[in-house]
Protein backbone atom coordinates (compact mmCIF):
# COMPACT_ATOMS: atom_id res chain seq x y z
CA MET A 1 -51.25 102.17 197.85
CA ILE A 2 -49.22 105.35 197.43
CA ASP A 3 -46.01 103.50 198.29
CA ARG A 4 -46.75 100.81 195.69
CA LYS A 5 -47.38 103.48 193.06
CA ARG A 6 -44.14 105.24 193.99
CA ARG A 7 -42.21 101.96 193.76
CA ALA A 8 -43.80 101.23 190.39
CA LEU A 9 -42.86 104.67 189.12
CA SER A 10 -39.31 104.34 190.46
CA PHE A 11 -38.86 101.20 188.32
CA ALA A 12 -40.76 102.56 185.32
CA LEU A 13 -38.89 105.88 185.10
CA PRO A 14 -35.37 104.44 184.52
CA ALA A 15 -36.87 101.94 182.10
CA SER A 16 -38.57 104.71 180.14
CA ILE A 17 -35.37 106.77 180.05
CA ALA A 18 -33.42 103.74 178.87
CA SER A 19 -36.06 103.11 176.22
CA LEU A 20 -35.85 106.74 175.06
CA LEU A 21 -32.04 106.65 174.87
CA SER A 22 -32.17 103.33 173.03
CA SER A 23 -34.65 104.70 170.49
CA ARG A 24 -32.43 107.72 169.91
CA ALA A 25 -29.42 105.45 169.37
CA ARG A 26 -31.42 103.36 166.90
CA ALA A 27 -32.55 106.53 165.09
CA ALA A 28 -28.91 107.55 164.64
CA THR A 29 -28.09 104.30 162.84
CA GLN A 30 -31.29 103.65 160.91
CA THR A 31 -31.41 104.55 157.24
CA GLN A 32 -33.55 107.30 155.82
CA GLY A 33 -36.52 106.35 153.68
CA ALA A 34 -36.46 107.23 149.98
CA PRO A 35 -37.13 109.29 147.98
CA TYR A 36 -34.95 112.15 149.24
CA ARG A 37 -32.58 114.85 147.96
CA VAL A 38 -29.08 116.01 148.84
CA VAL A 39 -27.33 119.21 147.69
CA ASP A 40 -23.56 118.98 147.15
CA ASP A 41 -20.84 121.66 147.23
CA ARG A 42 -21.49 122.66 143.61
CA GLY A 43 -25.07 123.47 144.58
CA ALA A 44 -26.22 120.50 142.48
CA THR A 45 -29.21 118.53 143.77
CA LEU A 46 -28.96 114.72 143.84
CA ARG A 47 -32.26 112.82 143.91
CA PHE A 48 -32.47 109.31 145.37
CA ASP A 49 -35.40 106.97 144.81
CA ALA A 50 -33.62 104.28 146.82
CA VAL A 51 -30.88 104.33 149.45
CA PRO A 52 -27.49 103.75 147.73
CA CYS A 53 -25.64 100.55 148.60
CA ARG A 54 -22.83 100.49 146.03
CA LEU A 55 -20.49 103.38 146.78
CA ALA A 56 -17.51 104.46 144.68
CA THR A 57 -15.20 107.16 145.96
CA VAL A 58 -12.58 109.45 144.46
CA SER A 59 -10.32 110.00 147.51
CA TYR A 60 -10.19 108.03 150.73
CA PHE A 61 -12.54 110.51 152.39
CA GLY A 62 -15.60 108.85 150.90
CA ALA A 63 -14.41 105.39 151.94
CA ASP A 64 -13.44 106.58 155.42
CA THR A 65 -16.84 108.21 155.98
CA ALA A 66 -18.86 105.39 154.45
CA LEU A 67 -17.08 102.74 156.54
CA ALA A 68 -17.67 104.76 159.70
CA LEU A 69 -21.35 104.89 158.72
CA GLY A 70 -21.47 101.12 158.22
CA VAL A 71 -21.25 101.02 154.41
CA GLN A 72 -18.55 99.08 152.56
CA PRO A 73 -17.37 100.86 149.37
CA VAL A 74 -17.04 98.84 146.16
CA ALA A 75 -14.47 101.05 144.37
CA SER A 76 -11.95 103.74 145.32
CA THR A 77 -8.95 105.69 144.09
CA PHE A 78 -5.58 105.39 145.86
CA LEU A 79 -2.80 107.72 146.96
CA VAL A 80 0.20 105.42 146.50
CA ARG A 81 0.06 102.63 143.93
CA GLY A 82 -0.07 99.20 145.54
CA ARG A 83 -0.41 100.55 149.09
CA GLN A 84 -3.57 100.17 151.13
CA PRO A 85 -4.43 102.97 153.60
CA ALA A 86 -3.26 101.63 156.97
CA TYR A 87 -5.83 103.64 158.91
CA LEU A 88 -8.70 101.78 157.20
CA LEU A 89 -7.15 98.45 158.23
CA ASP A 90 -8.10 95.67 155.79
CA ARG A 91 -11.37 97.17 154.57
CA MET A 92 -9.96 98.32 151.22
CA GLU A 93 -8.27 95.07 150.17
CA ARG A 94 -11.13 93.81 147.99
CA VAL A 95 -12.23 97.23 146.73
CA LEU A 96 -11.82 97.88 142.99
CA ASP A 97 -8.80 100.12 142.40
CA LEU A 98 -9.79 103.11 140.23
CA GLY A 99 -6.28 104.54 139.91
CA GLN A 100 -4.75 107.69 141.35
CA ARG A 101 -7.25 110.19 142.78
CA ALA A 102 -6.21 112.97 140.38
CA SER A 103 -6.93 110.79 137.33
CA PRO A 104 -9.43 108.02 138.13
CA SER A 105 -10.36 105.52 135.42
CA LEU A 106 -13.94 106.25 134.38
CA GLU A 107 -14.12 102.90 132.57
CA LEU A 108 -13.28 100.98 135.74
CA LEU A 109 -15.63 103.21 137.69
CA ALA A 110 -18.52 102.35 135.35
CA SER A 111 -17.67 98.65 135.58
CA ALA A 112 -18.23 98.76 139.35
CA HIS A 113 -21.90 99.71 138.77
CA PRO A 114 -22.03 102.22 141.64
CA ASP A 115 -25.27 103.87 142.70
CA LEU A 116 -23.39 106.76 144.35
CA ILE A 117 -20.05 108.45 143.62
CA VAL A 118 -18.46 110.56 146.36
CA ALA A 119 -15.62 112.67 144.99
CA MET A 120 -13.28 115.53 145.78
CA ARG A 121 -14.61 118.28 143.57
CA ARG A 122 -11.25 119.58 142.36
CA TYR A 123 -10.21 116.19 140.97
CA THR A 124 -13.46 115.48 139.12
CA GLU A 125 -14.89 118.85 138.09
CA ALA A 126 -13.75 118.47 134.48
CA ASN A 127 -15.49 115.08 134.21
CA ALA A 128 -18.66 115.95 136.13
CA ALA A 129 -20.98 115.31 133.18
CA ARG A 130 -19.49 111.86 132.50
CA LEU A 131 -19.59 110.94 136.18
CA GLN A 132 -23.25 111.87 136.40
CA GLN A 133 -23.96 109.49 133.52
CA ILE A 134 -22.51 106.65 135.61
CA ALA A 135 -24.24 107.39 138.93
CA PRO A 136 -25.37 110.27 141.17
CA TYR A 137 -22.19 112.30 141.78
CA LEU A 138 -21.68 114.02 145.15
CA ALA A 139 -18.93 116.64 144.66
CA LEU A 140 -17.28 117.96 147.83
CA ASP A 141 -14.82 120.77 148.50
CA LEU A 142 -12.29 119.28 150.92
CA GLU A 143 -9.71 121.92 151.74
CA VAL A 144 -10.24 123.48 155.19
CA ARG A 145 -11.53 122.42 158.62
CA GLU A 146 -15.19 123.37 158.08
CA ASP A 147 -15.33 121.10 155.04
CA SER A 148 -14.87 118.02 157.21
CA ASP A 149 -18.09 118.22 159.24
CA ARG A 150 -20.10 119.41 156.25
CA GLY A 151 -18.72 116.70 153.98
CA ILE A 152 -19.46 113.95 156.51
CA GLU A 153 -23.01 115.18 156.94
CA ARG A 154 -23.58 115.29 153.17
CA VAL A 155 -22.22 111.78 152.67
CA GLY A 156 -24.39 110.61 155.56
CA ALA A 157 -27.44 112.23 154.00
CA ALA A 158 -26.67 110.70 150.59
CA LEU A 159 -26.29 107.24 152.15
CA GLY A 160 -29.57 107.64 154.00
CA ARG A 161 -27.82 107.88 157.39
CA PRO A 162 -28.05 111.55 158.39
CA GLY A 163 -28.39 110.86 162.10
CA ALA A 164 -25.32 108.65 162.18
CA ALA A 165 -23.29 111.34 160.37
CA VAL A 166 -24.31 113.97 162.92
CA ALA A 167 -23.32 111.55 165.68
CA LEU A 168 -19.84 111.14 164.13
CA ASN A 169 -19.33 114.89 164.18
CA ARG A 170 -20.52 115.15 167.78
CA ARG A 171 -18.13 112.38 168.74
CA PHE A 172 -15.21 114.28 167.26
CA VAL A 173 -16.14 117.43 169.19
CA ASP A 174 -15.73 115.40 172.37
CA VAL A 175 -12.51 113.74 171.19
CA LEU A 176 -10.97 117.10 170.26
CA ALA A 177 -12.04 118.70 173.54
CA GLY A 178 -10.36 115.88 175.45
CA PHE A 179 -7.04 116.36 173.64
CA ARG A 180 -7.16 120.14 173.94
CA ALA A 181 -7.82 119.97 177.67
CA ARG A 182 -4.57 118.04 178.11
CA SER A 183 -2.36 120.04 175.74
CA VAL A 184 -3.01 123.69 174.96
CA SER A 185 -3.18 125.27 178.40
CA ARG A 186 -0.20 123.43 179.88
CA MET A 187 2.35 123.06 177.13
CA ARG A 188 4.87 125.20 175.31
CA ALA A 189 3.80 125.60 171.67
CA PRO A 190 6.13 123.56 169.40
CA ARG A 191 7.06 125.07 166.02
CA TYR A 192 6.31 122.69 163.15
CA LEU A 193 5.87 122.25 159.39
CA PHE A 194 3.74 119.74 157.50
CA VAL A 195 5.15 119.09 154.01
CA TRP A 196 4.82 116.76 151.04
CA GLY A 197 6.42 116.35 147.62
CA THR A 198 9.26 114.52 145.91
CA GLY A 199 11.01 117.41 144.19
CA ALA A 200 14.00 119.52 145.19
CA ALA A 201 11.81 121.63 147.48
CA PRO A 202 8.84 120.40 149.55
CA TRP A 203 5.33 121.83 149.54
CA ALA A 204 4.35 123.29 152.91
CA PHE A 205 0.75 123.53 154.09
CA TYR A 206 -0.73 126.73 155.50
CA ASP A 207 -2.65 126.93 158.78
CA GLU A 208 -5.95 126.51 156.95
CA ASN A 209 -5.10 122.99 155.79
CA MET A 210 -7.25 120.44 157.65
CA THR A 211 -4.30 118.59 159.20
CA CYS A 212 -2.60 121.85 160.20
CA SER A 213 -5.81 123.01 161.85
CA LEU A 214 -5.68 119.89 164.04
CA LEU A 215 -2.03 120.54 164.88
CA GLY A 216 -2.96 124.13 165.72
CA ALA A 217 -5.79 122.96 167.97
CA LEU A 218 -3.15 121.06 169.96
CA GLY A 219 -1.05 124.19 170.40
CA GLY A 220 1.37 123.67 167.51
CA VAL A 221 2.68 126.78 165.73
CA ASN A 222 2.93 126.39 161.95
CA VAL A 223 5.98 128.28 160.70
CA ALA A 224 4.39 128.38 157.23
CA GLY A 225 1.73 130.71 158.67
CA ARG A 226 -1.68 131.62 157.31
CA ASN A 227 -2.79 131.51 153.71
CA PRO A 228 -2.28 134.99 152.18
CA LEU A 229 -5.03 134.33 149.60
CA PRO A 230 -7.69 132.32 151.47
CA ALA A 231 -10.44 133.10 148.93
CA ARG A 232 -8.57 131.29 146.15
CA ARG A 233 -9.58 127.65 145.71
CA ASP A 234 -6.98 124.85 145.91
CA ASN A 235 -4.51 127.13 147.63
CA THR A 236 -3.65 125.53 150.96
CA ALA A 237 0.07 124.90 150.29
CA PHE A 238 3.11 126.50 148.65
CA GLN A 239 6.54 125.29 147.56
CA MET A 240 9.05 126.23 150.24
CA SER A 241 12.78 126.33 149.53
CA LEU A 242 15.01 124.55 152.04
CA GLU A 243 16.78 127.85 152.70
CA THR A 244 13.47 129.42 153.70
CA LEU A 245 12.69 126.36 155.79
CA LEU A 246 16.03 126.77 157.56
CA ILE A 247 15.28 130.42 158.38
CA ALA A 248 11.80 129.50 159.67
CA LYS A 249 13.36 127.33 162.42
CA PRO A 250 10.84 124.52 162.87
CA GLU A 251 11.44 122.09 165.70
CA ILE A 252 9.56 119.25 164.02
CA VAL A 253 8.75 118.57 160.35
CA PHE A 254 5.98 116.16 159.42
CA VAL A 255 6.74 114.68 155.99
CA TYR A 256 4.08 112.78 154.07
CA ASP A 257 5.49 109.38 153.14
CA ASP A 258 4.46 108.71 149.55
CA GLY A 259 6.56 105.57 149.28
CA GLY A 260 9.61 107.13 147.64
CA ALA A 261 12.68 109.13 148.66
CA PRO A 262 12.16 112.87 148.00
CA ALA A 263 14.96 114.66 146.18
CA PHE A 264 15.41 117.14 149.03
CA ASP A 265 16.51 114.28 151.33
CA ALA A 266 20.00 114.45 149.83
CA ASN A 267 20.26 118.25 149.98
CA PRO A 268 23.00 119.46 152.37
CA VAL A 269 20.59 122.01 153.85
CA TRP A 270 18.15 119.22 154.75
CA GLN A 271 20.96 117.19 156.30
CA TYR A 272 22.08 120.28 158.24
CA LEU A 273 18.57 120.65 159.62
CA ILE A 274 18.62 117.06 160.85
CA ASN A 275 22.21 116.68 162.04
CA VAL A 276 23.05 120.17 163.32
CA ARG A 277 19.74 121.85 164.11
CA ARG A 278 18.38 118.54 165.44
CA VAL A 279 15.03 119.10 163.80
CA ARG A 280 12.79 116.06 164.31
CA ILE A 281 11.60 114.54 161.03
CA VAL A 282 8.41 112.49 161.32
CA ARG A 283 7.15 110.45 158.37
CA VAL A 284 3.36 110.28 158.31
CA GLY A 285 0.79 108.19 156.45
CA ASP A 286 -2.09 108.67 154.06
CA HIS A 287 -4.53 109.87 156.71
CA TRP A 288 -2.43 113.00 157.21
CA ILE A 289 -3.08 113.97 153.58
CA GLU A 290 -6.76 112.97 153.63
CA SER A 291 -7.62 113.94 157.19
CA PHE A 292 -11.24 115.04 156.59
CA GLY A 293 -12.89 111.69 157.31
CA PRO A 294 -14.06 110.65 160.79
CA ILE A 295 -11.40 107.95 161.21
CA ALA A 296 -8.53 109.91 159.66
CA ARG A 297 -9.06 113.10 161.69
CA HIS A 298 -9.21 111.15 164.97
CA ALA A 299 -6.04 109.22 164.07
CA VAL A 300 -4.16 112.38 163.01
CA LEU A 301 -5.17 114.16 166.20
CA ALA A 302 -3.92 111.30 168.39
CA GLU A 303 -0.64 110.92 166.51
CA ALA A 304 -0.03 114.66 166.38
CA ALA A 305 -0.57 114.97 170.13
CA ALA A 306 2.03 112.27 170.78
CA HIS A 307 4.59 113.98 168.51
CA LEU A 308 3.95 117.56 169.64
CA HIS A 309 3.72 116.71 173.35
CA PRO A 310 5.59 113.42 173.84
CA GLY A 311 5.73 113.83 177.61
CA GLN A 312 1.98 114.17 177.86
CA PHE A 313 0.63 111.74 175.27
CA ALA A 314 1.62 108.16 174.54
CA THR A 315 1.98 106.82 171.00
CA PRO A 316 -1.57 105.89 169.98
CA ASP A 317 -2.77 102.53 168.70
CA LEU A 318 -3.91 103.28 165.14
CA ARG A 319 -5.64 99.92 164.85
CA ALA A 320 -7.63 100.49 168.03
CA ILE A 321 -8.78 103.93 166.86
CA ALA A 322 -9.80 102.62 163.46
CA SER A 323 -11.52 99.54 164.91
CA SER A 324 -13.71 101.71 167.12
CA TYR A 325 -15.25 103.14 163.92
CA LEU A 326 -15.05 100.15 161.60
CA ALA A 327 -16.85 97.60 163.75
CA ARG A 328 -20.19 98.56 162.17
CA ALA A 329 -19.19 98.29 158.51
CA ALA A 330 -20.44 95.26 156.61
């Protein structure tokens, strides 16, 4: 009798554990019941009587996060006219184009009939009242590393998927730990810059920039250094002359590819950097500018590791990384 009970328990225990783990997994993906409230980075409280299903986003962050949570956005701004963000694969092809993220069309936005707007606060602060007339408006500060986890959790809460958002952040902790274990302790720290702009001098990002924080986590040394005025909002980059860039001696420069040829490309100093100093120039995509979302930050981390430590990391498959998040989106 005792043996039969033991055998029964031995079968029941794994089954109960599996059931518990399965229920936790389901809880992470199930939506939250309405009504509920979410507080954004302005301190404004958004009230939801129903879970939103028509999302509009000002910046790719909202689309990135929503897609990773299983929600297809209906409208979004862009970074480069006519170019879809490669790291979101084909999921933005049929999304209404609201214009450039710094000046979205409010008329087009209203025509999409969203029931939630996720927006970068600095690009929409002046139009907050008008946005709120269209739909609940979740304003987010997206400047430094801490903003990424918090922003994802707030979007998850607004979409009624708080557990799934927490799971995305936990996943990234594991992803980052895996890359760090293979890079920081064993490798020489490469000196780098991350720049953007089309003028005569590029804009260089400080350490506090989200993408630079990922490069730093991999052991990269940013020759632009730390932000001298970290308390000032919208202050994560500065215009750096090519002469200053030359003196800083980077080994690799990541240049955001905005679809055009920057004016500094033709500068003799820039050509000297490439041809004489042998500085590696790496053109990077939209996810390097908007690296706060769950898909973008994973993709940036993998690509950065391959460029900073080419002997240790292979060139990643961007499609495979994105697909591992996008499989759930409708």
